[in-house]
C-alpha atoms as a PDB file:
ATOM      1  CA  MET A   1      -2.163  -8.211   1.947  1.00  0.00           C
ATOM      2  CA  TYR A   2      -2.241  -6.366  -1.337  1.00  0.00           C
ATOM      3  CA  ILE A   3      -5.364  -6.129  -3.804  1.00  0.00           C
ATOM      4  CA  SER A   4      -4.382  -6.414  -6.900  1.00  0.00           C
ATOM      5  CA  GLN A   5      -7.321  -4.108  -7.899  1.00  0.00           C
ATOM      6  CA  GLU A   6      -6.569  -0.913  -6.285  1.00  0.00           C
ATOM      7  CA  ILE A   7      -3.558  -1.866  -7.363  1.00  0.00           C
ATOM      8  CA  ALA A   8      -4.343  -0.887 -11.104  1.00  0.00           C
ATOM      9  CA  GLU A   9      -6.860   1.970 -10.501  1.00  0.00           C
ATOM     10  CA  ARG A  10      -3.884   3.474  -8.083  1.00  0.00           C
ATOM     11  CA  ILE A  11      -2.132   2.776 -11.266  1.00  0.00           C
ATOM     12  CA  LYS A  12      -4.466   4.898 -13.653  1.00  0.00           C
ATOM     13  CA  THR A  13      -4.585   7.874 -11.154  1.00  0.00           C
ATOM     14  CA  ILE A  14      -0.995   7.389 -10.942  1.00  0.00           C
ATOM     15  CA  ALA A  15      -0.352   7.160 -14.476  1.00  0.00           C
ATOM     16  CA  ALA A  16      -3.439  10.556 -14.788  1.00  0.00           C
ATOM     17  CA  LYS A  17      -1.081  12.716 -13.191  1.00  0.00           C
ATOM     18  CA  LYS A  18       1.538  12.353 -14.868  1.00  0.00           C
ATOM     19  CA  ASN A  19      -0.454  12.614 -18.171  1.00  0.00           C
ATOM     20  CA  VAL A  20       1.144   9.267 -19.005  1.00  0.00           C
ATOM     21  CA  LYS A  21      -1.749   7.291 -21.872  1.00  0.00           C
ATOM     22  CA  LEU A  22      -2.898   3.629 -20.326  1.00  0.00           C
ATOM     23  CA  GLY A  23      -2.054   1.920 -24.112  1.00  0.00           C
ATOM     24  CA  GLU A  24       1.065   3.523 -24.686  1.00  0.00           C
ATOM     25  CA  MET A  25       3.140   2.930 -21.474  1.00  0.00           C
ATOM     26  CA  PHE A  26       2.400  -0.955 -22.152  1.00  0.00           C
ATOM     27  CA  ALA A  27       3.300  -0.677 -25.385  1.00  0.00           C
ATOM     28  CA  ASP A  28       6.970   1.381 -24.028  1.00  0.00           C
ATOM     29  CA  ILE A  29       7.251  -1.325 -21.142  1.00  0.00           C
ATOM     30  CA  GLY A  30       6.314  -4.576 -23.790  1.00  0.00           C
ATOM     31  CA  ILE A  31       2.859  -6.353 -21.560  1.00  0.00           C
ATOM     32  CA  SER A  32      -0.410  -6.660 -22.884  1.00  0.00           C
ATOM     33  CA  THR A  33      -2.918  -3.693 -22.480  1.00  0.00           C
ATOM     34  CA  ASN A  34      -5.385  -6.099 -20.933  1.00  0.00           C
ATOM     35  CA  THR A  35      -3.501  -6.348 -18.182  1.00  0.00           C
ATOM     36  CA  LEU A  36      -5.057  -3.891 -16.231  1.00  0.00           C
ATOM     37  CA  HIS A  37      -8.130  -5.865 -16.991  1.00  0.00           C
ATOM     38  CA  ASN A  38      -6.622  -9.070 -15.826  1.00  0.00           C
ATOM     39  CA  MET A  39      -5.507  -7.429 -12.485  1.00  0.00           C
ATOM     40  CA  LYS A  40      -9.128  -7.250 -11.669  1.00  0.00           C
ATOM     41  CA  THR A  41      -9.434 -10.943 -10.956  1.00  0.00           C
ATOM     42  CA  SER A  42      -5.485 -12.165 -10.584  1.00  0.00           C
ATOM     43  CA  MET A  43      -1.747  -9.843  -9.070  1.00  0.00           C
ATOM     44  CA  PRO A  44       0.969  -9.634 -12.298  1.00  0.00           C
ATOM     45  CA  LYS A  45       3.926 -10.619 -11.553  1.00  0.00           C
ATOM     46  CA  ALA A  46       6.534  -8.721  -9.774  1.00  0.00           C
ATOM     47  CA  ASP A  47       8.716  -7.622 -12.535  1.00  0.00           C
ATOM     48  CA  THR A  48       5.296  -6.487 -14.336  1.00  0.00           C
ATOM     49  CA  LEU A  49       4.575  -4.568 -11.275  1.00  0.00           C
ATOM     50  CA  ALA A  50       8.448  -2.819 -11.580  1.00  0.00           C
ATOM     51  CA  LEU A  51       9.120  -2.488 -15.115  1.00  0.00           C
ATOM     52  CA  ILE A  52       5.350   0.211 -14.108  1.00  0.00           C
ATOM     53  CA  ALA A  53       6.772   1.131 -11.157  1.00  0.00           C
ATOM     54  CA  ASP A  54      10.280   2.620 -12.645  1.00  0.00           C
ATOM     55  CA  TYR A  55       7.931   3.729 -16.078  1.00  0.00           C
ATOM     56  CA  LEU A  56       5.651   6.092 -13.727  1.00  0.00           C
ATOM     57  CA  GLU A  57       8.742   7.419 -12.096  1.00  0.00           C
ATOM     58  CA  ILE A  58       7.054   6.018  -8.749  1.00  0.00           C
ATOM     59  CA  PRO A  59       8.799   4.050  -5.854  1.00  0.00           C
ATOM     60  CA  LEU A  60       7.477   0.010  -6.225  1.00  0.00           C
ATOM     61  CA  ASP A  61       5.635   1.328  -2.277  1.00  0.00           C
ATOM     62  CA  THR A  62       4.247   3.912  -4.021  1.00  0.00           C
ATOM     63  CA  LEU A  63       2.553   1.713  -6.766  1.00  0.00           C
ATOM     64  CA  MET A  64       1.601  -0.931  -4.205  1.00  0.00           C
ATOM     65  CA  GLY A  65       0.320   1.644  -1.271  1.00  0.00           C
ATOM     66  CA  ARG A  66       3.004   0.791   0.804  1.00  0.00           C
ATOM     67  CA  THR A  67       3.439   5.114   1.467  1.00  0.00           C
ATOM     68  CA  GLU A  68       0.149   5.246   2.088  1.00  0.00           C
ATOM     69  CA  LYS A  69       0.287   2.345   5.283  1.00  0.00           C
ATOM     70  CA  ASN A  70       3.766   4.472   6.396  1.00  0.00           C
ATOM     71  CA  ASN A  71       2.613   8.188   6.410  1.00  0.00           C
ATOM     72  CA  ALA A  72       4.761   9.677   8.649  1.00  0.00           C
ATOM     73  CA  PRO A  73       5.222  13.823   8.528  1.00  0.00           C
ATOM     74  CA  GLU A  74       8.825  13.985   6.547  1.00  0.00           C
ATOM     75  CA  ASN A  75       7.433  11.404   4.315  1.00  0.00           C
ATOM     76  CA  ASP A  76       3.730  14.511   3.413  1.00  0.00           C
ATOM     77  CA  LEU A  77       7.206  16.831   3.113  1.00  0.00           C
ATOM     78  CA  ARG A  78       9.494  15.400   1.161  1.00  0.00           C
ATOM     79  CA  SER A  79       6.132  14.880  -1.037  1.00  0.00           C
ATOM     80  CA  ALA A  80       4.915  18.070  -1.280  1.00  0.00           C
ATOM     81  CA  ILE A  81       8.828  18.777  -1.502  1.00  0.00           C
ATOM     82  CA  ILE A  82       8.879  16.671  -5.108  1.00  0.00           C
ATOM     83  CA  ASP A  83       5.831  17.350  -5.884  1.00  0.00           C
ATOM     84  CA  LYS A  84       6.837  21.202  -6.318  1.00  0.00           C
ATOM     85  CA  ILE A  85      10.528  20.417  -7.672  1.00  0.00           C
ATOM     86  CA  ASN A  86       7.803  18.704 -10.387  1.00  0.00           C
ATOM     87  CA  GLN A  87       6.408  21.976 -11.133  1.00  0.00           C
ATOM     88  CA  LEU A  88       9.671  24.166 -11.688  1.00  0.00           C
ATOM     89  CA  THR A  89      10.997  25.544 -15.037  1.00  0.00           C
ATOM     90  CA  ASP A  90      13.720  24.772 -16.857  1.00  0.00           C
ATOM     91  CA  SER A  91      15.532  27.964 -16.001  1.00  0.00           C
ATOM     92  CA  GLN A  92      14.202  27.437 -12.087  1.00  0.00           C
ATOM     93  CA  LEU A  93      15.382  23.957 -11.600  1.00  0.00           C
ATOM     94  CA  ASP A  94      18.567  25.119 -12.900  1.00  0.00           C
ATOM     95  CA  ARG A  95      18.601  27.793 -10.507  1.00  0.00           C
ATOM     96  CA  LEU A  96      17.568  25.403  -8.103  1.00  0.00           C
ATOM     97  CA  LEU A  97      20.543  23.428  -9.038  1.00  0.00           C
ATOM     98  CA  GLY A  98      23.400  26.053  -8.652  1.00  0.00           C
ATOM     99  CA  TYR A  99      22.465  26.639  -5.282  1.00  0.00           C
ATOM    100  CA  LEU A 100      22.345  23.163  -4.467  1.00  0.00           C
ATOM    101  CA  GLU A 101      25.868  22.770  -6.004  1.00  0.00           C
ATOM    102  CA  ALA A 102      27.371  25.698  -4.423  1.00  0.00           C
ATOM    103  CA  LEU A 103      26.122  23.822  -0.427  1.00  0.00           C
ATOM    104  CA  VAL A 104      27.159  20.388  -2.379  1.00  0.00           C
ATOM    105  CA  GLU A 105      30.723  22.510  -2.782  1.00  0.00           C
ATOM    106  CA  GLU A 106      30.715  23.292   1.230  1.00  0.00           C
END
């Protein structure tokens, strides 16, 4: 069972980590700024949650907390790699992409 308050907290936490202002996000995706407040008593529609997940560039499963329940070692490694990639500078990212392209061509 999903608890809307937990999802609201997850949205706040993820947005803060990504330096996303909630008001701007809601305005950009065209939903009410009261959405998080309303989640104290009711679950938003699936399409609203999908819009939020897409805006935050995360899987809907992450927003729903499903990845927390399925915290297999390969998910930890994948998350660590994604976090590290997100920290790369543009020049580091260009070198990584060049390396990956060379691997694909082999």
